[in-house]
N, C-alpha and C. Protein backbone atom coordinates (compact mmCIF):
# COMPACT_ATOMS: atom_id res chain seq x y z
N MET A 1 7.08 4.77 -16.88
CA MET A 1 5.91 5.05 -16.09
C MET A 1 4.79 5.50 -17.02
N LEU A 2 3.65 4.94 -16.84
CA LEU A 2 2.46 5.33 -17.58
C LEU A 2 1.78 6.47 -16.82
N VAL A 3 1.48 7.56 -17.51
CA VAL A 3 0.82 8.71 -16.89
C VAL A 3 -0.56 8.86 -17.52
N LEU A 4 -1.59 8.87 -16.67
CA LEU A 4 -2.98 8.98 -17.13
C LEU A 4 -3.65 10.15 -16.45
N SER A 5 -4.59 10.75 -17.13
CA SER A 5 -5.44 11.77 -16.53
C SER A 5 -6.79 11.15 -16.24
N ARG A 6 -7.30 11.35 -15.04
CA ARG A 6 -8.59 10.82 -14.64
C ARG A 6 -9.34 11.91 -13.88
N LYS A 7 -10.65 11.91 -13.99
CA LYS A 7 -11.50 12.85 -13.26
C LYS A 7 -12.19 12.11 -12.12
N ASN A 8 -12.80 12.86 -11.21
CA ASN A 8 -13.56 12.25 -10.11
C ASN A 8 -14.51 11.19 -10.66
N GLY A 9 -14.53 10.04 -10.01
CA GLY A 9 -15.43 8.97 -10.40
C GLY A 9 -14.91 8.07 -11.51
N GLU A 10 -13.84 8.46 -12.17
CA GLU A 10 -13.28 7.64 -13.24
C GLU A 10 -12.30 6.62 -12.65
N SER A 11 -12.14 5.51 -13.37
CA SER A 11 -11.33 4.40 -12.87
C SER A 11 -10.31 3.96 -13.92
N LEU A 12 -9.42 3.11 -13.46
CA LEU A 12 -8.54 2.39 -14.37
C LEU A 12 -8.40 0.98 -13.85
N MET A 13 -8.13 0.05 -14.75
CA MET A 13 -8.02 -1.36 -14.39
C MET A 13 -6.57 -1.80 -14.54
N ILE A 14 -6.12 -2.63 -13.61
CA ILE A 14 -4.78 -3.20 -13.66
C ILE A 14 -4.92 -4.71 -13.65
N ASN A 15 -4.39 -5.33 -14.67
CA ASN A 15 -4.37 -6.79 -14.78
C ASN A 15 -5.76 -7.42 -14.75
N GLY A 16 -6.79 -6.65 -15.08
CA GLY A 16 -8.14 -7.18 -15.18
C GLY A 16 -8.86 -7.44 -13.87
N ASP A 17 -8.15 -7.35 -12.73
CA ASP A 17 -8.84 -7.64 -11.46
C ASP A 17 -8.55 -6.60 -10.37
N ILE A 18 -7.84 -5.55 -10.71
CA ILE A 18 -7.59 -4.47 -9.76
C ILE A 18 -8.13 -3.18 -10.36
N GLU A 19 -9.07 -2.56 -9.65
CA GLU A 19 -9.69 -1.32 -10.12
C GLU A 19 -9.29 -0.17 -9.19
N VAL A 20 -8.75 0.88 -9.78
CA VAL A 20 -8.37 2.08 -9.04
C VAL A 20 -9.31 3.19 -9.47
N THR A 21 -10.03 3.78 -8.51
CA THR A 21 -11.02 4.81 -8.80
C THR A 21 -10.62 6.12 -8.12
N ILE A 22 -10.73 7.22 -8.86
CA ILE A 22 -10.49 8.54 -8.29
C ILE A 22 -11.76 8.94 -7.54
N LEU A 23 -11.65 9.14 -6.23
CA LEU A 23 -12.81 9.47 -5.42
C LEU A 23 -12.98 10.97 -5.23
N ASP A 24 -11.85 11.68 -5.11
CA ASP A 24 -11.93 13.12 -4.88
C ASP A 24 -10.59 13.76 -5.19
N VAL A 25 -10.64 14.95 -5.76
CA VAL A 25 -9.44 15.75 -5.99
C VAL A 25 -9.72 17.11 -5.36
N SER A 26 -8.89 17.46 -4.38
CA SER A 26 -9.10 18.71 -3.65
C SER A 26 -7.75 19.27 -3.24
N ASN A 27 -7.47 20.51 -3.68
CA ASN A 27 -6.17 21.13 -3.41
C ASN A 27 -5.05 20.21 -3.89
N ASP A 28 -4.15 19.82 -2.99
CA ASP A 28 -3.04 18.95 -3.35
C ASP A 28 -3.29 17.50 -2.98
N VAL A 29 -4.53 17.14 -2.68
CA VAL A 29 -4.84 15.79 -2.20
C VAL A 29 -5.74 15.07 -3.20
N VAL A 30 -5.34 13.85 -3.53
CA VAL A 30 -6.15 12.99 -4.39
C VAL A 30 -6.54 11.78 -3.56
N LYS A 31 -7.83 11.51 -3.44
CA LYS A 31 -8.30 10.33 -2.73
C LYS A 31 -8.63 9.27 -3.77
N ILE A 32 -8.08 8.08 -3.55
CA ILE A 32 -8.33 6.98 -4.48
C ILE A 32 -8.92 5.80 -3.72
N GLY A 33 -9.68 5.01 -4.45
CA GLY A 33 -10.21 3.76 -3.92
C GLY A 33 -9.64 2.62 -4.73
N ILE A 34 -9.33 1.52 -4.08
CA ILE A 34 -8.74 0.37 -4.76
C ILE A 34 -9.57 -0.86 -4.47
N LYS A 35 -10.06 -1.52 -5.52
CA LYS A 35 -10.74 -2.81 -5.39
C LYS A 35 -9.79 -3.85 -5.95
N ALA A 36 -9.44 -4.84 -5.11
CA ALA A 36 -8.52 -5.88 -5.52
C ALA A 36 -8.87 -7.18 -4.80
N PRO A 37 -8.45 -8.31 -5.36
CA PRO A 37 -8.67 -9.58 -4.66
C PRO A 37 -8.00 -9.55 -3.29
N LYS A 38 -8.56 -10.29 -2.36
CA LYS A 38 -8.04 -10.30 -0.98
C LYS A 38 -6.58 -10.73 -0.90
N GLU A 39 -6.15 -11.57 -1.83
CA GLU A 39 -4.77 -12.07 -1.77
C GLU A 39 -3.75 -11.03 -2.27
N VAL A 40 -4.23 -9.92 -2.82
CA VAL A 40 -3.34 -8.86 -3.27
C VAL A 40 -3.08 -7.92 -2.09
N GLU A 41 -1.82 -7.83 -1.69
CA GLU A 41 -1.45 -6.95 -0.58
C GLU A 41 -1.24 -5.55 -1.12
N ILE A 42 -1.87 -4.57 -0.48
CA ILE A 42 -1.76 -3.18 -0.90
C ILE A 42 -1.18 -2.38 0.27
N LEU A 43 -0.03 -1.77 0.04
CA LEU A 43 0.62 -0.95 1.05
C LEU A 43 0.99 0.39 0.45
N ARG A 44 0.92 1.44 1.27
CA ARG A 44 1.45 2.73 0.84
C ARG A 44 2.96 2.57 0.66
N LYS A 45 3.51 3.30 -0.28
CA LYS A 45 4.93 3.13 -0.60
C LYS A 45 5.82 3.36 0.61
N GLU A 46 5.53 4.39 1.43
CA GLU A 46 6.38 4.67 2.58
C GLU A 46 6.33 3.54 3.59
N LEU A 47 5.18 2.88 3.73
CA LEU A 47 5.05 1.74 4.63
C LEU A 47 5.82 0.55 4.07
N TYR A 48 5.71 0.34 2.77
CA TYR A 48 6.44 -0.74 2.10
C TYR A 48 7.94 -0.56 2.30
N ALA A 49 8.44 0.66 2.12
CA ALA A 49 9.87 0.94 2.29
C ALA A 49 10.30 0.68 3.73
N GLU A 50 9.45 1.03 4.68
CA GLU A 50 9.75 0.79 6.09
C GLU A 50 9.85 -0.70 6.39
N VAL A 51 8.94 -1.47 5.83
CA VAL A 51 8.96 -2.93 6.02
C VAL A 51 10.22 -3.52 5.38
N GLU A 52 10.56 -3.04 4.18
CA GLU A 52 11.78 -3.51 3.51
C GLU A 52 13.01 -3.24 4.38
N GLN A 53 13.07 -2.04 4.94
CA GLN A 53 14.21 -1.69 5.79
C GLN A 53 14.26 -2.58 7.01
N MET A 54 13.12 -2.85 7.60
CA MET A 54 13.07 -3.74 8.76
C MET A 54 13.55 -5.14 8.37
N ASN A 55 13.15 -5.60 7.20
CA ASN A 55 13.56 -6.92 6.73
C ASN A 55 15.07 -6.98 6.51
N MET A 56 15.63 -5.91 5.95
CA MET A 56 17.08 -5.85 5.73
C MET A 56 17.81 -5.94 7.07
N SER A 57 17.31 -5.19 8.05
CA SER A 57 17.92 -5.21 9.38
C SER A 57 17.78 -6.59 10.02
N ALA A 58 16.65 -7.23 9.75
CA ALA A 58 16.37 -8.52 10.37
C ALA A 58 17.25 -9.63 9.80
N GLU A 59 17.74 -9.45 8.58
CA GLU A 59 18.58 -10.49 7.98
C GLU A 59 19.80 -10.77 8.85
N GLY A 60 20.28 -9.76 9.54
CA GLY A 60 21.45 -9.93 10.39
C GLY A 60 21.12 -10.33 11.81
N SER A 61 19.84 -10.48 12.11
CA SER A 61 19.45 -10.83 13.47
C SER A 61 18.77 -12.20 13.49
N ALA A 62 18.44 -12.63 14.67
CA ALA A 62 17.83 -13.95 14.84
C ALA A 62 16.32 -13.84 15.01
N ILE A 63 15.70 -12.81 14.45
CA ILE A 63 14.26 -12.63 14.60
C ILE A 63 13.50 -13.60 13.68
N SER A 64 12.39 -14.10 14.16
CA SER A 64 11.61 -15.07 13.39
C SER A 64 10.66 -14.35 12.42
N THR A 65 10.19 -15.08 11.43
CA THR A 65 9.21 -14.56 10.49
C THR A 65 7.95 -14.14 11.21
N GLU A 66 7.55 -14.91 12.20
CA GLU A 66 6.34 -14.58 12.98
C GLU A 66 6.50 -13.23 13.67
N ASP A 67 7.67 -12.99 14.25
CA ASP A 67 7.92 -11.71 14.92
C ASP A 67 7.90 -10.56 13.91
N LEU A 68 8.43 -10.79 12.70
CA LEU A 68 8.40 -9.76 11.67
C LEU A 68 6.96 -9.40 11.29
N LEU A 69 6.11 -10.41 11.18
CA LEU A 69 4.71 -10.17 10.85
C LEU A 69 4.02 -9.38 11.96
N ILE A 70 4.36 -9.66 13.19
CA ILE A 70 3.80 -8.91 14.33
C ILE A 70 4.23 -7.45 14.23
N GLN A 71 5.51 -7.23 13.91
CA GLN A 71 6.01 -5.86 13.76
C GLN A 71 5.29 -5.13 12.62
N LEU A 72 5.07 -5.82 11.51
CA LEU A 72 4.36 -5.22 10.38
C LEU A 72 2.96 -4.80 10.80
N ASN A 73 2.27 -5.65 11.51
CA ASN A 73 0.92 -5.31 11.96
C ASN A 73 0.93 -4.13 12.92
N GLU A 74 1.95 -4.04 13.76
CA GLU A 74 2.08 -2.90 14.67
C GLU A 74 2.30 -1.61 13.88
N ILE A 75 3.13 -1.67 12.84
CA ILE A 75 3.37 -0.48 12.01
C ILE A 75 2.08 -0.05 11.34
N LYS A 76 1.33 -0.99 10.82
CA LYS A 76 0.05 -0.68 10.18
C LYS A 76 -0.89 0.02 11.15
N LYS A 77 -0.95 -0.47 12.40
CA LYS A 77 -1.82 0.15 13.41
C LYS A 77 -1.40 1.58 13.69
N ILE A 78 -0.10 1.79 13.84
CA ILE A 78 0.43 3.13 14.13
C ILE A 78 0.14 4.08 12.97
N LYS A 79 0.33 3.63 11.75
CA LYS A 79 0.12 4.48 10.57
C LYS A 79 -1.34 4.88 10.41
N LYS A 80 -2.26 4.04 10.89
CA LYS A 80 -3.70 4.35 10.77
C LYS A 80 -4.13 5.43 11.76
N LEU A 81 -3.36 5.62 12.82
CA LEU A 81 -3.71 6.63 13.84
C LEU A 81 -3.46 7.96 13.31
């Protein structure tokens, strides 16, 4: 794991087309902004793990890919609330 120190307003680049900027550091919370191409999917790790778990469960069921995508969108909506 690469560990970097950044201050408010400072950024780092990943693969030349993804920019991560530190927007605010306050108490135990760090707000970051991410600029990436539209085709790059960005998910919070806990959401990604939840989707992975759903996919693992789905392997044993007869659920379609379309239904899985609908479930993913529902999870995203719930997490935004």
